Structures are given as C-alpha cells and as structure tokens.
N, C-alpha and C. Protein backbone atom coordinates (compact mmCIF):
# COMPACT_ATOMS: atom_id res chain seq x y z
N MET A 1 -23.01 22.98 14.75
CA MET A 1 -21.62 23.19 15.09
C MET A 1 -20.94 21.85 15.38
N ARG A 2 -21.65 20.99 16.12
CA ARG A 2 -21.05 19.73 16.47
C ARG A 2 -20.78 18.87 15.24
N SER A 3 -21.69 18.86 14.28
CA SER A 3 -21.48 18.05 13.09
C SER A 3 -20.34 18.60 12.24
N ALA A 4 -20.17 19.91 12.21
CA ALA A 4 -19.04 20.50 11.47
C ALA A 4 -17.73 20.11 12.13
N LEU A 5 -17.70 20.11 13.44
CA LEU A 5 -16.50 19.70 14.16
C LEU A 5 -16.23 18.21 13.94
N HIS A 6 -17.29 17.42 13.94
CA HIS A 6 -17.16 15.98 13.69
C HIS A 6 -16.61 15.72 12.29
N ARG A 7 -17.11 16.43 11.29
CA ARG A 7 -16.62 16.27 9.91
C ARG A 7 -15.15 16.67 9.81
N ALA A 8 -14.78 17.75 10.46
CA ALA A 8 -13.38 18.20 10.41
C ALA A 8 -12.46 17.18 11.08
N ALA A 9 -12.90 16.64 12.21
CA ALA A 9 -12.09 15.63 12.90
C ALA A 9 -11.97 14.37 12.05
N SER A 10 -13.08 13.96 11.43
CA SER A 10 -13.05 12.77 10.58
C SER A 10 -12.10 12.97 9.39
N ARG A 11 -12.15 14.15 8.81
CA ARG A 11 -11.25 14.45 7.68
C ARG A 11 -9.79 14.42 8.13
N ALA A 12 -9.52 14.94 9.32
CA ALA A 12 -8.16 14.94 9.84
C ALA A 12 -7.67 13.52 10.09
N VAL A 13 -8.52 12.68 10.65
CA VAL A 13 -8.15 11.28 10.91
C VAL A 13 -7.88 10.56 9.60
N ARG A 14 -8.73 10.76 8.60
CA ARG A 14 -8.51 10.13 7.29
C ARG A 14 -7.19 10.60 6.67
N GLY A 15 -6.88 11.88 6.83
CA GLY A 15 -5.63 12.41 6.29
C GLY A 15 -4.42 11.80 6.97
N VAL A 16 -4.47 11.67 8.27
CA VAL A 16 -3.35 11.07 9.01
C VAL A 16 -3.20 9.60 8.62
N ARG A 17 -4.33 8.89 8.51
CA ARG A 17 -4.28 7.48 8.11
C ARG A 17 -3.67 7.33 6.72
N TRP A 18 -4.08 8.17 5.78
CA TRP A 18 -3.52 8.13 4.42
C TRP A 18 -2.01 8.38 4.46
N TYR A 19 -1.60 9.38 5.22
CA TYR A 19 -0.18 9.75 5.30
C TYR A 19 0.65 8.59 5.85
N VAL A 20 0.18 7.98 6.93
CA VAL A 20 0.93 6.88 7.54
C VAL A 20 1.00 5.70 6.59
N ARG A 21 -0.10 5.37 5.91
CA ARG A 21 -0.09 4.26 4.95
C ARG A 21 0.89 4.51 3.80
N GLU A 22 0.95 5.75 3.33
CA GLU A 22 1.90 6.08 2.26
C GLU A 22 3.33 6.07 2.78
N LEU A 23 3.54 6.58 3.96
CA LEU A 23 4.88 6.64 4.54
C LEU A 23 5.45 5.25 4.78
N THR A 24 4.64 4.33 5.25
CA THR A 24 5.09 2.97 5.53
C THR A 24 4.97 2.05 4.32
N ASP A 25 4.43 2.55 3.23
CA ASP A 25 4.23 1.81 1.98
C ASP A 25 3.25 0.65 2.13
N GLU A 26 2.36 0.76 3.10
CA GLU A 26 1.33 -0.26 3.27
C GLU A 26 0.32 -0.22 2.13
N SER A 27 0.21 0.90 1.46
CA SER A 27 -0.74 1.03 0.37
C SER A 27 -0.22 0.42 -0.93
N ALA A 28 0.99 -0.11 -0.93
CA ALA A 28 1.57 -0.69 -2.15
C ALA A 28 0.72 -1.83 -2.69
N TYR A 29 0.18 -2.66 -1.82
CA TYR A 29 -0.65 -3.78 -2.27
C TYR A 29 -1.91 -3.27 -2.95
N ASP A 30 -2.53 -2.27 -2.37
CA ASP A 30 -3.75 -1.70 -2.96
C ASP A 30 -3.46 -1.13 -4.35
N ARG A 31 -2.33 -0.43 -4.49
CA ARG A 31 -1.95 0.12 -5.79
C ARG A 31 -1.68 -0.99 -6.80
N TYR A 32 -1.03 -2.07 -6.35
CA TYR A 32 -0.71 -3.19 -7.23
C TYR A 32 -1.99 -3.87 -7.72
N VAL A 33 -2.93 -4.09 -6.82
CA VAL A 33 -4.20 -4.72 -7.20
C VAL A 33 -4.95 -3.84 -8.20
N ALA A 34 -4.97 -2.53 -7.96
CA ALA A 34 -5.64 -1.61 -8.89
C ALA A 34 -4.96 -1.66 -10.26
N HIS A 35 -3.62 -1.72 -10.26
CA HIS A 35 -2.87 -1.81 -11.52
C HIS A 35 -3.22 -3.10 -12.27
N LEU A 36 -3.26 -4.21 -11.56
CA LEU A 36 -3.58 -5.48 -12.20
C LEU A 36 -4.98 -5.47 -12.79
N ARG A 37 -5.93 -4.99 -12.04
CA ARG A 37 -7.32 -4.99 -12.50
C ARG A 37 -7.52 -4.06 -13.69
N LYS A 38 -6.77 -2.98 -13.74
CA LYS A 38 -6.91 -2.03 -14.85
C LYS A 38 -6.16 -2.50 -16.09
N GLY A 39 -4.90 -2.88 -15.92
CA GLY A 39 -4.06 -3.23 -17.07
C GLY A 39 -4.08 -4.68 -17.47
N HIS A 40 -4.39 -5.55 -16.54
CA HIS A 40 -4.36 -6.99 -16.79
C HIS A 40 -5.58 -7.64 -16.14
N PRO A 41 -6.76 -7.38 -16.65
CA PRO A 41 -7.99 -7.85 -15.98
C PRO A 41 -8.11 -9.38 -15.88
N ASP A 42 -7.42 -10.11 -16.73
CA ASP A 42 -7.51 -11.58 -16.69
C ASP A 42 -6.49 -12.21 -15.75
N ALA A 43 -5.54 -11.42 -15.25
CA ALA A 43 -4.49 -11.96 -14.39
C ALA A 43 -5.05 -12.26 -13.00
N ALA A 44 -4.50 -13.30 -12.40
CA ALA A 44 -4.91 -13.66 -11.03
C ALA A 44 -4.30 -12.65 -10.06
N VAL A 45 -5.09 -12.24 -9.10
CA VAL A 45 -4.62 -11.29 -8.09
C VAL A 45 -4.03 -12.08 -6.92
N PRO A 46 -2.75 -11.85 -6.61
CA PRO A 46 -2.15 -12.59 -5.50
C PRO A 46 -2.69 -12.10 -4.16
N SER A 47 -2.59 -12.96 -3.18
CA SER A 47 -2.97 -12.55 -1.83
C SER A 47 -1.94 -11.54 -1.32
N ARG A 48 -2.27 -10.85 -0.25
CA ARG A 48 -1.32 -9.89 0.32
C ARG A 48 -0.02 -10.59 0.70
N ARG A 49 -0.13 -11.79 1.25
CA ARG A 49 1.06 -12.53 1.65
C ARG A 49 1.95 -12.86 0.44
N GLU A 50 1.31 -13.32 -0.65
CA GLU A 50 2.07 -13.62 -1.87
C GLU A 50 2.71 -12.36 -2.43
N PHE A 51 1.97 -11.26 -2.40
CA PHE A 51 2.51 -9.99 -2.89
C PHE A 51 3.73 -9.58 -2.08
N GLU A 52 3.65 -9.65 -0.77
CA GLU A 52 4.78 -9.27 0.08
C GLU A 52 5.98 -10.17 -0.16
N ARG A 53 5.74 -11.46 -0.40
CA ARG A 53 6.82 -12.38 -0.69
C ARG A 53 7.50 -12.01 -2.02
N MET A 54 6.69 -11.72 -3.05
CA MET A 54 7.25 -11.31 -4.35
C MET A 54 8.06 -10.03 -4.19
N ARG A 55 7.53 -9.11 -3.44
CA ARG A 55 8.19 -7.82 -3.23
C ARG A 55 9.51 -7.98 -2.49
N THR A 56 9.51 -8.81 -1.47
CA THR A 56 10.75 -9.05 -0.71
C THR A 56 11.78 -9.75 -1.58
N ASP A 57 11.36 -10.75 -2.35
CA ASP A 57 12.29 -11.45 -3.24
C ASP A 57 12.89 -10.49 -4.26
N ARG A 58 12.05 -9.62 -4.82
CA ARG A 58 12.53 -8.65 -5.81
C ARG A 58 13.54 -7.70 -5.19
N GLN A 59 13.31 -7.26 -3.97
CA GLN A 59 14.22 -6.34 -3.30
C GLN A 59 15.56 -7.01 -2.99
N GLU A 60 15.51 -8.27 -2.61
CA GLU A 60 16.75 -8.98 -2.28
C GLU A 60 17.57 -9.31 -3.52
N GLU A 61 16.92 -9.48 -4.67
CA GLU A 61 17.63 -9.80 -5.90
C GLU A 61 18.31 -8.58 -6.52
N ASP A 62 17.78 -7.42 -6.28
CA ASP A 62 18.27 -6.19 -6.90
C ASP A 62 19.09 -5.39 -5.89
N PRO A 63 20.41 -5.29 -6.10
CA PRO A 63 21.26 -4.58 -5.14
C PRO A 63 20.92 -3.10 -5.02
N ARG A 64 20.26 -2.53 -6.02
CA ARG A 64 19.88 -1.12 -5.95
C ARG A 64 18.74 -0.88 -4.97
N GLN A 65 18.02 -1.93 -4.61
CA GLN A 65 16.88 -1.83 -3.71
C GLN A 65 17.30 -1.86 -2.24
N GLY A 66 18.57 -2.04 -1.97
CA GLY A 66 19.01 -2.18 -0.60
C GLY A 66 19.10 -3.65 -0.23
N PHE A 67 19.21 -3.93 1.04
CA PHE A 67 19.33 -5.29 1.47
C PHE A 67 18.70 -5.45 2.84
N ARG A 68 18.47 -6.70 3.20
CA ARG A 68 17.98 -7.00 4.53
C ARG A 68 19.09 -7.68 5.30
N CYS A 69 19.29 -7.29 6.50
CA CYS A 69 20.35 -7.91 7.28
C CYS A 69 19.85 -9.11 8.07
N CYS A 70 18.55 -9.22 8.27
CA CYS A 70 18.05 -10.28 9.15
C CYS A 70 16.95 -11.07 8.46
C-alpha cells in the first residue's frame, strides 16, 4: 500500500512540475535543443544563457511578440 501511495505521489509531483515548466515556458530551451539535435545534428548547441539572449532579442525585434518595458 505504501509503495502504491508513493508512486501516486511521485506521479502527481512530476505532473505538477511538467505543468509549471510548460506554463512558464522554461521547457523552451529543452525543446530547442531537441529540435537542433534532430534537424540540425551538426549545428552548435547554444548555452541556456545564449538561447535566452537570442529569444529576448527576437521578441524585442518583432512587435507581434509584445514588448518589454524594463
């Protein structure tokens, strides 16, 4: 019984973690790396910091993406 409860709790925690990562778009880097490795295996994979910088620059250049005030 205890192991079944433990498995259910672990599954619930994983589900909440997945939901929060998708909601905050923290998983975007992981998706980008998977895309690069699948479609462009010879391309260099940027660090998370470089990826966030590229993403921010792209958002600021495109008025449809919104804007940052600060």
